[in-house]
Each structure stands twice: as C-alpha cells, then as structure tokens.
C-alpha cells in the first residue's frame, strides 16, 4: 500500500489525527511492526466507540418500546 492510500484509509476509518501521523511516520521509517501495533491500538479505540454507539441504540430502543407499550395501554395517551 502506498503512503497516499494509507493516509486516505486512515481518514476514512476516522483514525485520530495524532494516531494517523504516528502511523504514517512508522510507515515512512519502514517500522512495520510498530505501525501494525499502532493500527491495532487505533482499531481497539474505534471498536470501543462502536460498542458505545450500540449501547446508546439499545437504550433508545428500550425507551421506544416502553413508551409505545404505555401508549397502547392508555389507548394512545401517555400518563
């Protein structure tokens, strides 16, 4: 992968700017092991964000089900 493609991929994935810079520095210096380590670290951060978004969606779904259930019990009204 060339540097420009790597840079674009980092941007596309939402990689933090400081992490992207460090990853690109490792790429330029040929330190692929350290680059992979940094990529995996950033991947973990992005996965944490993904799971947090999932928890928020679960909470929103719970609220919707609860409110809709109450509306049905009260013939369309809310107590």
Protein backbone atom coordinates (compact mmCIF):
# COMPACT_ATOMS: atom_id res chain seq x y z
CA UNK A 1 0.00 0.00 0.00
CA UNK A 2 1.44 3.39 -0.90
CA UNK A 3 1.55 6.31 1.52
CA UNK A 4 -1.33 8.24 -0.05
CA UNK A 5 -3.62 5.19 0.01
CA UNK A 6 -2.68 4.53 3.64
CA UNK A 7 -3.36 8.17 4.53
CA UNK A 8 -6.77 8.03 2.82
CA UNK A 9 -7.68 4.79 4.58
CA UNK A 10 -6.76 6.28 7.95
CA UNK A 11 -9.01 9.26 7.26
CA UNK A 12 -11.84 7.02 6.02
CA UNK A 13 -11.76 4.96 9.22
CA UNK A 14 -11.96 8.01 11.48
CA UNK A 15 -8.48 7.48 12.83
CA UNK A 16 -7.45 10.31 15.17
CA UNK A 17 -5.10 12.82 13.57
CA UNK A 18 -2.27 12.26 16.04
CA UNK A 19 -2.53 8.48 15.64
CA UNK A 20 -2.58 8.86 11.84
CA UNK A 21 0.56 10.97 11.95
CA UNK A 22 2.35 8.41 14.12
CA UNK A 23 1.26 5.55 11.87
CA UNK A 24 2.45 7.40 8.77
CA UNK A 25 5.80 8.15 10.45
CA UNK A 26 6.27 4.46 11.17
CA UNK A 27 5.37 3.65 7.56
CA UNK A 28 7.90 6.17 6.25
CA UNK A 29 10.64 4.83 8.50
CA UNK A 30 9.89 1.24 7.48
CA UNK A 31 9.00 0.19 11.02
CA UNK A 32 6.09 -2.03 10.00
CA UNK A 33 5.87 -3.89 13.32
CA UNK A 34 5.34 -0.65 15.22
CA UNK A 35 2.93 0.58 12.54
CA UNK A 36 0.83 -2.58 12.92
CA UNK A 37 0.88 -2.17 16.71
CA UNK A 38 -0.41 1.41 16.37
CA UNK A 39 -3.06 0.35 13.86
CA UNK A 40 -4.31 -2.35 16.24
CA UNK A 41 -4.42 0.17 19.09
CA UNK A 42 -6.47 2.57 16.97
CA UNK A 43 -8.73 -0.29 15.89
CA UNK A 44 -9.46 -1.04 19.55
CA UNK A 45 -10.37 2.60 20.14
CA UNK A 46 -12.74 2.58 17.17
CA UNK A 47 -14.31 -0.70 18.37
CA UNK A 48 -14.92 0.91 21.78
CA UNK A 49 -16.76 3.75 20.01
CA UNK A 50 -18.75 1.19 18.01
CA UNK A 51 -19.83 -0.65 21.16
CA UNK A 52 -20.74 2.61 22.90
CA UNK A 53 -22.97 3.52 19.95
CA UNK A 54 -24.58 0.09 20.19
CA UNK A 55 -25.37 0.67 23.88
CA UNK A 56 -26.96 4.02 23.03
CA UNK A 57 -29.11 2.41 20.34
CA UNK A 58 -30.17 -0.33 22.76
CA UNK A 59 -31.22 2.33 25.27
CA UNK A 60 -33.16 4.23 22.61
CA UNK A 61 -34.91 1.00 21.53
CA UNK A 62 -35.84 0.29 25.17
CA UNK A 63 -37.34 3.78 25.59
CA UNK A 64 -39.32 3.45 22.36
CA UNK A 65 -40.72 0.04 23.32
CA UNK A 66 -41.62 1.26 26.80
CA UNK A 67 -43.36 4.41 25.56
CA UNK A 68 -45.20 2.58 22.78
CA UNK A 69 -46.33 -0.07 25.28
CA UNK A 70 -47.65 2.62 27.64
CA UNK A 71 -49.40 4.36 24.75
CA UNK A 72 -51.12 1.10 23.78
CA UNK A 73 -52.24 0.50 27.38
CA UNK A 74 -53.68 4.02 27.57
CA UNK A 75 -55.33 3.98 24.14
CA UNK A 76 -52.77 6.32 22.57
CA UNK A 77 -52.23 8.65 25.52
CA UNK A 78 -49.34 8.97 27.93
CA UNK A 79 -49.82 9.12 31.69
